[in-house]
């Protein structure tokens, strides 16, 4: 039981292990994040309750490989989880990053420190060694807060060299794409959603970066929503979205998360894209200087879908730094995704059925995932915005899909109704939908 005055679902931090790696566990009892400094300073896993999101390479579990076993000749030690790299990727000149395996920024031990430990917030910072080739030193701070699944990741790119450098920050999550019932097969219900820009430079709103331009994974839905269906077939796309979010949903488990970030219209991005997605799977792709063949073998080409977010280029003189923050908000939600809002994910938008006139009843319906445990409440307003009444709908929790189907009494003169989420203290944590009644 929480102590008097303590926040609901208080933040906690402990040193522990995760699959044999030393790790910090940042948790609030709803969401947990495991940060492993020894393997590239990554968040190796994110959990909602006991449900896991990230791909983890079970063949490397607990191993911390030296550079002699994580290089071009030995091969890439892909531990899984999340990571941050410099962008753009390429092999033609010194302004491009030659990609993995790249030990210093992807596989080395990072320095770590606890920077916040209270019931309201816990935070751990990891810092890479300076990389002479790119001139970069990465620093990331992971934050978990009380009473919400919203995780903050502050990412800093510092010029640790004595020359001017110019890179973008490239953040990746390797999402577990194995079948939940038979891990020897790919998950047939894993999807990524990217709302496309109305002002895109691309005719379709996105571009094919690697793989077949007729790759069947990619479909633009009404409302300019790019839906990426994970198929075990190599491919990569990029989008110059200006909406500031993407979502990944595992339909087998009815869990998903939103990643939010700031967009900077008018600034130059690596690959001319703010979001990218990679299907790990077999096939041949052109890397410009060479062709890369990925074998049809889940041991060598595992099941994962990369959701990737990029910052604009930052030109940094020695000692200068650039910051790019992202947030992850996991929840229980089914496919499809219609919209992401501060309070949660909208799978089926709020709608009303069976209205029988002012001052009578109607049925509110919708399907959502929420980021804060508490209560869903309907609020009715008049034409001039005056509040006419409220009705408690039901308890909500990020660990359960919020399926709304409830008859409510409509106050006389009601013009619209909205649904919001209140936390345990009665604070409004945001709106899930709004409907005009007449």
Protein backbone atom coordinates (compact mmCIF):
# COMPACT_ATOMS: atom_id res chain seq x y z
CA UNK A 1 0.00 0.00 0.00
CA UNK A 2 1.28 3.48 -0.88
CA UNK A 3 2.40 5.67 2.00
CA UNK A 4 0.30 8.78 2.74
CA UNK A 5 1.30 11.51 0.31
CA UNK A 6 3.20 9.11 -1.96
CA UNK A 7 2.26 9.13 -5.64
CA UNK A 8 0.25 6.28 -7.11
CA UNK A 9 2.44 3.75 -8.92
CA UNK A 10 5.62 5.32 -7.51
CA UNK A 11 8.85 5.23 -9.50
CA UNK A 12 11.55 2.82 -8.33
CA UNK A 13 15.09 1.97 -9.40
CA UNK A 14 17.24 -1.06 -8.68
CA UNK A 15 20.43 -2.67 -9.90
CA UNK A 16 19.65 -6.14 -11.18
CA UNK A 17 20.29 -8.43 -14.12
CA UNK A 18 18.31 -9.03 -17.29
CA UNK A 19 18.97 -12.30 -19.12
CA UNK A 20 22.43 -12.38 -17.57
CA UNK A 21 23.44 -8.76 -18.29
CA UNK A 22 23.99 -6.24 -15.52
CA UNK A 23 21.13 -3.77 -15.76
CA UNK A 24 19.29 -0.93 -14.11
CA UNK A 25 15.58 -1.60 -13.73
CA UNK A 26 13.49 1.57 -13.85
CA UNK A 27 9.86 0.82 -13.01
CA UNK A 28 6.61 2.11 -11.55
CA UNK A 29 4.82 -1.23 -11.33
CA UNK A 30 3.10 -0.72 -14.68
CA UNK A 31 5.98 -0.17 -17.07
CA UNK A 32 9.58 -1.33 -16.63
CA UNK A 33 12.73 -0.45 -18.53
CA UNK A 34 15.99 -2.40 -18.35
CA UNK A 35 19.11 -0.38 -19.23
CA UNK A 36 22.32 -2.35 -19.83
CA UNK A 37 25.41 -0.08 -19.83
CA UNK A 38 27.87 -2.89 -20.67
CA UNK A 39 26.43 -3.55 -24.15
CA UNK A 40 26.36 -0.15 -25.79
CA UNK A 41 24.36 1.63 -23.10
CA UNK A 42 21.08 0.43 -24.54
CA UNK A 43 17.64 -0.15 -23.12
CA UNK A 44 17.65 -3.87 -23.70
CA UNK A 45 13.96 -4.36 -22.83
CA UNK A 46 10.73 -2.47 -22.18
CA UNK A 47 7.85 -4.20 -20.41
CA UNK A 48 4.19 -3.43 -19.83
CA UNK A 49 3.30 -5.61 -16.88
CA UNK A 50 5.00 -8.85 -17.89
CA UNK A 51 4.63 -8.27 -21.65
CA UNK A 52 7.86 -7.51 -23.52
CA UNK A 53 8.35 -5.36 -26.63
CA UNK A 54 11.97 -5.43 -27.78
CA UNK A 55 13.84 -8.08 -29.71
CA UNK A 56 16.62 -9.63 -27.61
CA UNK A 57 19.17 -11.95 -29.19
CA UNK A 58 18.94 -15.06 -27.06
CA UNK A 59 22.20 -16.41 -28.54
CA UNK A 60 24.06 -13.48 -26.96
CA UNK A 61 22.13 -13.39 -23.67
CA UNK A 62 24.46 -12.42 -20.84
CA UNK A 63 27.48 -12.08 -23.12
CA UNK A 64 29.59 -8.91 -23.32
CA UNK A 65 31.81 -9.39 -26.36
CA UNK A 66 35.11 -7.57 -26.80
CA UNK A 67 35.93 -5.69 -30.00
CA UNK A 68 37.89 -8.69 -31.26
CA UNK A 69 34.57 -10.58 -31.47
CA UNK A 70 32.42 -7.67 -32.67
CA UNK A 71 33.90 -6.33 -35.91
CA UNK A 72 33.71 -6.65 -39.68
CA UNK A 73 35.67 -9.88 -39.75
CA UNK A 74 33.99 -11.56 -36.77
CA UNK A 75 30.51 -10.18 -37.47
CA UNK A 76 28.05 -7.91 -35.70
CA UNK A 77 27.08 -8.67 -32.12
CA UNK A 78 23.46 -7.56 -32.40
CA UNK A 79 22.25 -7.73 -28.81
CA UNK A 80 18.83 -6.22 -29.63
CA UNK A 81 16.91 -3.56 -27.69
CA UNK A 82 17.25 0.11 -28.63
CA UNK A 83 20.29 2.04 -29.80
CA UNK A 84 21.46 5.40 -31.10
CA UNK A 85 23.71 5.83 -34.14
CA UNK A 86 24.97 8.72 -36.25
CA UNK A 87 23.30 9.41 -39.60
CA UNK A 88 23.51 9.25 -42.54
CA UNK A 89 24.60 5.69 -43.18
CA UNK A 90 26.92 5.26 -46.14
CA UNK A 91 30.29 4.21 -47.50
CA UNK A 92 31.14 6.83 -50.13
CA UNK A 93 32.81 9.58 -48.07
CA UNK A 94 33.81 10.76 -44.59
CA UNK A 95 30.44 12.45 -44.01
CA UNK A 96 28.70 9.06 -43.91
CA UNK A 97 28.70 6.48 -41.14
CA UNK A 98 29.81 3.03 -42.32
CA UNK A 99 27.22 1.20 -40.21
CA UNK A 100 27.47 -1.86 -38.03
CA UNK A 101 29.44 -3.63 -36.75
CA UNK A 102 30.79 -0.49 -35.08
CA UNK A 103 32.11 -1.32 -31.65
CA UNK A 104 32.66 2.05 -29.93
CA UNK A 105 29.16 3.48 -30.42
CA UNK A 106 27.18 0.23 -30.57
CA UNK A 107 28.91 -2.46 -28.53
CA UNK A 108 31.32 -0.99 -26.00
CA UNK A 109 30.78 -0.46 -22.28
CA UNK A 110 29.18 2.90 -21.55
CA UNK A 111 29.73 4.88 -18.37
CA UNK A 112 26.57 4.96 -16.24
CA UNK A 113 25.20 6.97 -13.33
CA UNK A 114 21.92 7.40 -11.46
CA UNK A 115 20.84 11.02 -11.90
CA UNK A 116 17.40 10.92 -10.22
CA UNK A 117 15.86 8.60 -7.66
CA UNK A 118 12.59 9.66 -6.06
CA UNK A 119 9.04 8.38 -5.84
CA UNK A 120 8.10 10.80 -8.63
CA UNK A 121 10.93 9.99 -11.06
CA UNK A 122 13.93 7.74 -11.58
CA UNK A 123 16.57 8.37 -14.24
CA UNK A 124 19.80 6.74 -15.40
CA UNK A 125 22.38 8.30 -17.73
CA UNK A 126 24.72 6.32 -19.99
CA UNK A 127 27.65 7.86 -21.86
CA UNK A 128 29.65 6.35 -24.70
CA UNK A 129 33.39 6.57 -25.11
CA UNK A 130 34.45 9.31 -27.58
CA UNK A 131 34.59 7.96 -31.13
CA UNK A 132 37.63 9.27 -33.04
CA UNK A 133 36.25 8.38 -36.47
CA UNK A 134 32.96 10.28 -36.28
CA UNK A 135 34.04 12.72 -33.57
CA UNK A 136 30.91 11.83 -31.60
CA UNK A 137 30.23 11.04 -27.97
CA UNK A 138 26.64 9.97 -27.25
CA UNK A 139 24.90 10.48 -23.92
CA UNK A 140 21.42 9.25 -23.13
CA UNK A 141 19.26 9.68 -20.04
CA UNK A 142 16.30 7.35 -19.49
CA UNK A 143 13.45 8.63 -17.27
CA UNK A 144 10.54 6.65 -15.78
CA UNK A 145 7.84 8.58 -13.90
CA UNK A 146 5.18 7.74 -11.33
CA UNK A 147 1.70 6.88 -12.55
CA UNK A 148 2.26 6.81 -16.32
CA UNK A 149 3.79 4.57 -18.96
CA UNK A 150 5.33 7.59 -20.68
CA UNK A 151 9.13 7.13 -20.74
CA UNK A 152 11.47 9.97 -21.68
CA UNK A 153 14.81 9.42 -23.42
CA UNK A 154 17.09 12.45 -23.67
CA UNK A 155 19.72 11.91 -26.36
CA UNK A 156 22.78 14.14 -26.60
CA UNK A 157 25.33 14.10 -29.42
CA UNK A 158 28.53 15.87 -28.38
CA UNK A 159 31.48 16.83 -30.57
CA UNK A 160 34.37 15.19 -28.72
CA UNK A 161 36.88 15.96 -31.48
CA UNK A 162 39.01 18.98 -32.44
CA UNK A 163 37.28 19.42 -35.81
CA UNK A 164 33.84 20.52 -36.99
CA UNK A 165 31.40 17.66 -37.50
CA UNK A 166 27.93 17.33 -39.02
CA UNK A 167 25.65 14.41 -38.20
CA UNK A 168 22.07 13.57 -37.38
CA UNK A 169 20.94 11.53 -34.36
CA UNK A 170 19.47 8.20 -35.49
CA UNK A 171 17.45 6.33 -32.87
CA UNK A 172 16.34 2.73 -33.45
CA UNK A 173 14.20 0.18 -31.63
CA UNK A 174 14.35 -3.46 -32.67
CA UNK A 175 10.79 -4.68 -32.10
CA UNK A 176 10.34 -8.39 -31.46
CA UNK A 177 8.75 -9.82 -34.60
CA UNK A 178 8.63 -13.51 -33.68
CA UNK A 179 5.29 -15.30 -33.50
CA UNK A 180 4.07 -15.25 -29.88
CA UNK A 181 2.84 -18.84 -30.17
CA UNK A 182 5.67 -20.29 -32.28
CA UNK A 183 8.89 -18.25 -32.11
CA UNK A 184 10.32 -20.21 -35.05
CA UNK A 185 7.95 -18.24 -37.29
CA UNK A 186 7.42 -14.50 -37.92
CA UNK A 187 4.54 -12.67 -36.25
CA UNK A 188 1.72 -12.21 -38.80
CA UNK A 189 0.11 -9.39 -36.79
CA UNK A 190 2.96 -6.92 -36.17
CA UNK A 191 2.36 -3.48 -37.68
CA UNK A 192 3.95 -0.03 -37.60
CA UNK A 193 1.97 3.14 -38.31
CA UNK A 194 3.36 6.45 -39.55
CA UNK A 195 1.07 9.45 -40.25
CA UNK A 196 2.35 11.02 -43.47
CA UNK A 197 2.91 14.69 -44.13
CA UNK A 198 0.45 16.57 -46.32
CA UNK A 199 3.49 18.49 -47.62
CA UNK A 200 5.73 15.49 -48.33
CA UNK A 201 8.39 15.75 -51.02
CA UNK A 202 7.46 12.18 -51.96
CA UNK A 203 4.40 11.56 -54.20
CA UNK A 204 3.27 8.67 -51.98
CA UNK A 205 4.32 10.40 -48.76
CA UNK A 206 7.22 7.99 -48.26
CA UNK A 207 10.16 6.53 -50.17
CA UNK A 208 11.73 3.09 -50.61
CA UNK A 209 15.31 3.17 -49.33
CA UNK A 210 16.22 -0.52 -49.62
CA UNK A 211 14.54 -3.54 -51.12
CA UNK A 212 11.83 -4.09 -53.70
CA UNK A 213 9.82 -0.97 -54.60
CA UNK A 214 6.81 -3.31 -54.88
CA UNK A 215 7.42 -4.74 -51.41
CA UNK A 216 3.99 -5.84 -50.07
CA UNK A 217 4.64 -4.62 -46.50
CA UNK A 218 3.75 -1.00 -47.25
CA UNK A 219 0.25 0.44 -47.67
CA UNK A 220 -1.12 3.97 -47.40
CA UNK A 221 -4.51 3.97 -45.67
CA UNK A 222 -7.18 6.68 -45.96
CA UNK A 223 -6.12 9.75 -44.01
CA UNK A 224 -2.50 9.37 -45.24
CA UNK A 225 -1.51 6.75 -42.69
CA UNK A 226 1.39 4.54 -43.76
CA UNK A 227 0.82 1.03 -42.42
CA UNK A 228 3.87 -1.23 -42.40
CA UNK A 229 3.13 -4.93 -42.04
CA UNK A 230 6.11 -6.93 -40.85
CA UNK A 231 6.90 -9.63 -43.38
CA UNK A 232 10.01 -11.76 -43.32
CA UNK A 233 11.43 -10.06 -46.39
CA UNK A 234 14.08 -7.34 -46.34
CA UNK A 235 12.97 -3.79 -47.00
CA UNK A 236 13.32 -0.27 -45.71
CA UNK A 237 11.26 2.88 -46.18
CA UNK A 238 11.59 6.48 -45.02
CA UNK A 239 8.98 9.20 -44.51
CA UNK A 240 9.34 12.95 -44.05
CA UNK A 241 6.45 13.01 -41.59
CA UNK A 242 5.84 16.22 -39.66
CA UNK A 243 3.27 14.72 -37.27
CA UNK A 244 5.78 13.82 -34.56
CA UNK A 245 4.77 10.25 -33.77
CA UNK A 246 4.82 6.64 -34.86
CA UNK A 247 3.18 3.56 -33.36
CA UNK A 248 4.03 -0.15 -33.30
CA UNK A 249 1.34 -2.71 -32.41
CA UNK A 250 1.66 -6.44 -31.81
CA UNK A 251 -1.79 -7.73 -32.67
CA UNK A 252 -1.12 -11.18 -31.23
CA UNK A 253 -0.63 -9.70 -27.77
CA UNK A 254 -2.78 -6.55 -28.18
CA UNK A 255 0.11 -4.40 -26.97
CA UNK A 256 1.76 -1.42 -28.60
CA UNK A 257 3.57 1.82 -28.00
CA UNK A 258 3.78 5.31 -29.38
CA UNK A 259 7.10 7.02 -29.92
CA UNK A 260 6.80 10.81 -30.00
CA UNK A 261 9.40 13.35 -31.04
CA UNK A 262 9.70 16.91 -32.32
CA UNK A 263 9.79 17.64 -36.04
CA UNK A 264 11.68 20.53 -37.58
CA UNK A 265 10.12 21.49 -40.94
CA UNK A 266 12.54 23.33 -43.18
CA UNK A 267 15.68 21.74 -41.70
CA UNK A 268 17.69 19.14 -43.59
CA UNK A 269 17.39 15.52 -42.44
CA UNK A 270 19.61 12.54 -43.24
CA UNK A 271 17.94 10.51 -46.02
CA UNK A 272 15.35 13.34 -46.21
CA UNK A 273 13.36 11.38 -43.64
CA UNK A 274 12.33 11.87 -40.01
CA UNK A 275 11.07 8.27 -39.63
CA UNK A 276 12.32 5.03 -41.15
CA UNK A 277 11.33 1.37 -40.85
CA UNK A 278 13.43 -1.73 -41.53
CA UNK A 279 12.04 -5.22 -42.09
CA UNK A 280 14.75 -7.69 -41.11
CA UNK A 281 14.40 -10.59 -43.48
CA UNK A 282 16.03 -12.43 -46.38
CA UNK A 283 16.89 -10.78 -49.68
CA UNK A 284 19.49 -8.75 -51.54
CA UNK A 285 19.81 -5.00 -51.18
CA UNK A 286 22.17 -2.48 -52.74
CA UNK A 287 24.39 -0.58 -50.29
CA UNK A 288 25.79 1.56 -53.13
CA UNK A 289 29.36 0.36 -52.91
CA UNK A 290 28.27 -3.28 -52.65
CA UNK A 291 25.28 -5.61 -52.53
CA UNK A 292 24.32 -7.16 -49.22
CA UNK A 293 22.68 -10.58 -49.10
CA UNK A 294 20.64 -11.45 -46.01
CA UNK A 295 20.12 -15.23 -45.75
CA UNK A 296 16.77 -16.96 -45.26
CA UNK A 297 17.82 -18.18 -41.82
CA UNK A 298 16.27 -16.81 -38.60
CA UNK A 299 19.50 -17.58 -36.73
CA UNK A 300 21.45 -15.20 -38.99
CA UNK A 301 18.58 -12.93 -40.01
CA UNK A 302 16.33 -12.77 -36.93
CA UNK A 303 12.71 -11.67 -36.77
CA UNK A 304 12.64 -7.98 -35.89
CA UNK A 305 11.09 -4.78 -37.17
CA UNK A 306 13.10 -1.61 -36.65
CA UNK A 307 11.20 1.59 -35.88
CA UNK A 308 13.62 4.45 -36.43
CA UNK A 309 13.48 8.19 -35.71
CA UNK A 310 15.98 10.76 -36.97
CA UNK A 311 16.88 14.29 -35.97
CA UNK A 312 17.89 16.99 -38.46
CA UNK A 313 21.57 17.45 -39.16
CA UNK A 314 23.49 19.33 -36.47
CA UNK A 315 26.74 21.11 -37.33
CA UNK A 316 28.89 21.13 -34.21
CA UNK A 317 32.17 22.83 -33.47
CA UNK A 318 34.49 21.16 -30.92
CA UNK A 319 32.76 20.88 -27.55
CA UNK A 320 29.30 21.77 -28.87
CA UNK A 321 26.37 19.40 -28.55
CA UNK A 322 22.90 18.75 -29.94
CA UNK A 323 19.94 17.17 -28.12
CA UNK A 324 17.07 15.12 -29.50
CA UNK A 325 14.47 13.78 -27.04
CA UNK A 326 11.99 10.99 -27.71
CA UNK A 327 9.20 9.53 -25.57
CA UNK A 328 7.90 5.95 -25.52
CA UNK A 329 4.37 5.26 -24.25
CA UNK A 330 3.40 1.57 -24.11
CA UNK A 331 -0.18 0.41 -23.65
CA UNK A 332 -2.61 -2.41 -24.39
CA UNK A 333 -4.24 -1.78 -27.76
CA UNK A 334 -5.32 -3.81 -30.80
CA UNK A 335 -4.75 -3.09 -34.46
CA UNK A 336 -5.40 -0.81 -36.26
CA UNK A 337 -4.13 2.59 -35.08
CA UNK A 338 -6.24 5.58 -36.05
CA UNK A 339 -4.50 8.31 -34.06
CA UNK A 340 -2.13 8.93 -31.16
CA UNK A 341 -3.00 11.56 -28.55
CA UNK A 342 -1.48 12.58 -25.23
CA UNK A 343 -3.82 10.32 -23.25
CA UNK A 344 -3.38 7.21 -25.38
CA UNK A 345 -3.77 5.44 -28.70
CA UNK A 346 -7.04 5.55 -30.63
CA UNK A 347 -7.81 2.24 -32.34
CA UNK A 348 -11.49 2.89 -33.05
CA UNK A 349 -12.46 6.58 -32.74
CA UNK A 350 -15.12 7.71 -30.31
CA UNK A 351 -18.59 7.58 -31.81
CA UNK A 352 -22.19 7.70 -30.60
CA UNK A 353 -25.02 5.33 -31.35
CA UNK A 354 -28.77 5.36 -30.73
CA UNK A 355 -29.26 9.03 -29.82
CA UNK A 356 -32.92 9.52 -28.98
CA UNK A 357 -32.93 13.29 -28.70
CA UNK A 358 -31.76 15.99 -26.32
CA UNK A 359 -32.12 15.12 -22.67
CA UNK A 360 -32.20 11.36 -23.36
CA UNK A 361 -29.74 8.50 -23.80
CA UNK A 362 -27.06 7.52 -26.28
CA UNK A 363 -24.33 4.88 -26.41
CA UNK A 364 -20.66 5.87 -26.45
CA UNK A 365 -18.34 3.50 -28.29
CA UNK A 366 -14.64 3.32 -29.10
CA UNK A 367 -11.48 1.29 -28.59
CA UNK A 368 -8.38 2.82 -27.02
CA UNK A 369 -5.13 2.18 -25.20
CA UNK A 370 -4.38 4.54 -22.30
CA UNK A 371 -1.05 5.63 -20.83
CA UNK A 372 -2.29 6.39 -17.30
CA UNK A 373 -4.32 4.22 -14.90
CA UNK A 374 -7.43 5.94 -13.59
CA UNK A 375 -10.95 6.64 -14.75
CA UNK A 376 -12.50 7.44 -18.12
CA UNK A 377 -15.09 10.21 -17.92
CA UNK A 378 -17.56 11.66 -20.42
CA UNK A 379 -18.07 15.42 -20.30
CA UNK A 380 -21.02 17.15 -22.01
CA UNK A 381 -20.92 20.75 -23.24
CA UNK A 382 -23.41 23.25 -24.58
CA UNK A 383 -23.05 25.23 -27.80
CA UNK A 384 -21.13 28.03 -26.07
CA UNK A 385 -18.73 25.64 -24.34
CA UNK A 386 -20.52 25.59 -20.99
CA UNK A 387 -20.15 22.32 -19.13
CA UNK A 388 -23.53 20.64 -18.67
CA UNK A 389 -22.62 17.39 -16.98
CA UNK A 390 -20.15 14.56 -16.42
CA UNK A 391 -20.50 10.81 -16.24
CA UNK A 392 -18.00 8.26 -15.01
CA UNK A 393 -17.57 5.58 -17.66
CA UNK A 394 -15.21 2.95 -16.21
CA UNK A 395 -11.81 2.32 -14.68
CA UNK A 396 -8.96 2.23 -17.20
CA UNK A 397 -5.47 0.76 -17.02
CA UNK A 398 -2.62 0.63 -19.59
CA UNK A 399 -2.40 -3.13 -19.06
CA UNK A 400 -5.93 -3.63 -20.45
CA UNK A 401 -7.51 -2.52 -23.71
CA UNK A 402 -10.11 0.17 -23.06
CA UNK A 403 -13.21 -0.99 -24.96
CA UNK A 404 -15.91 1.61 -24.49
CA UNK A 405 -19.52 0.58 -25.03
CA UNK A 406 -21.78 2.34 -22.56
CA UNK A 407 -25.19 3.99 -22.56
CA UNK A 408 -25.14 7.43 -20.92
CA UNK A 409 -27.73 10.05 -20.06
CA UNK A 410 -27.42 13.18 -22.19
CA UNK A 411 -28.09 16.52 -20.46
CA UNK A 412 -30.70 18.71 -22.13
CA UNK A 413 -29.08 21.16 -24.54
CA UNK A 414 -25.88 19.15 -24.99
CA UNK A 415 -24.01 20.06 -28.17
CA UNK A 416 -20.94 17.82 -27.87
CA UNK A 417 -19.38 15.14 -25.70
CA UNK A 418 -15.74 14.36 -25.04
CA UNK A 419 -14.03 11.47 -23.25
CA UNK A 420 -11.01 12.10 -21.04
CA UNK A 421 -8.78 10.16 -18.66
CA UNK A 422 -8.48 11.17 -15.00
CA UNK A 423 -5.62 9.82 -12.89
CA UNK A 424 -5.90 8.58 -9.29
CA UNK A 425 -5.71 12.18 -8.02
CA UNK A 426 -8.49 13.32 -10.37
CA UNK A 427 -6.10 15.21 -12.68
CA UNK A 428 -7.10 15.39 -16.35
CA UNK A 429 -4.45 13.41 -18.27
CA UNK A 430 -5.87 14.16 -21.73
CA UNK A 431 -8.70 13.50 -24.16
CA UNK A 432 -9.39 10.37 -26.21
CA UNK A 433 -12.13 11.73 -28.47
CA UNK A 434 -14.84 14.28 -29.14
CA UNK A 435 -18.19 14.00 -30.94
CA UNK A 436 -20.65 16.73 -32.03
CA UNK A 437 -24.16 15.60 -31.05
CA UNK A 438 -26.24 17.98 -33.14
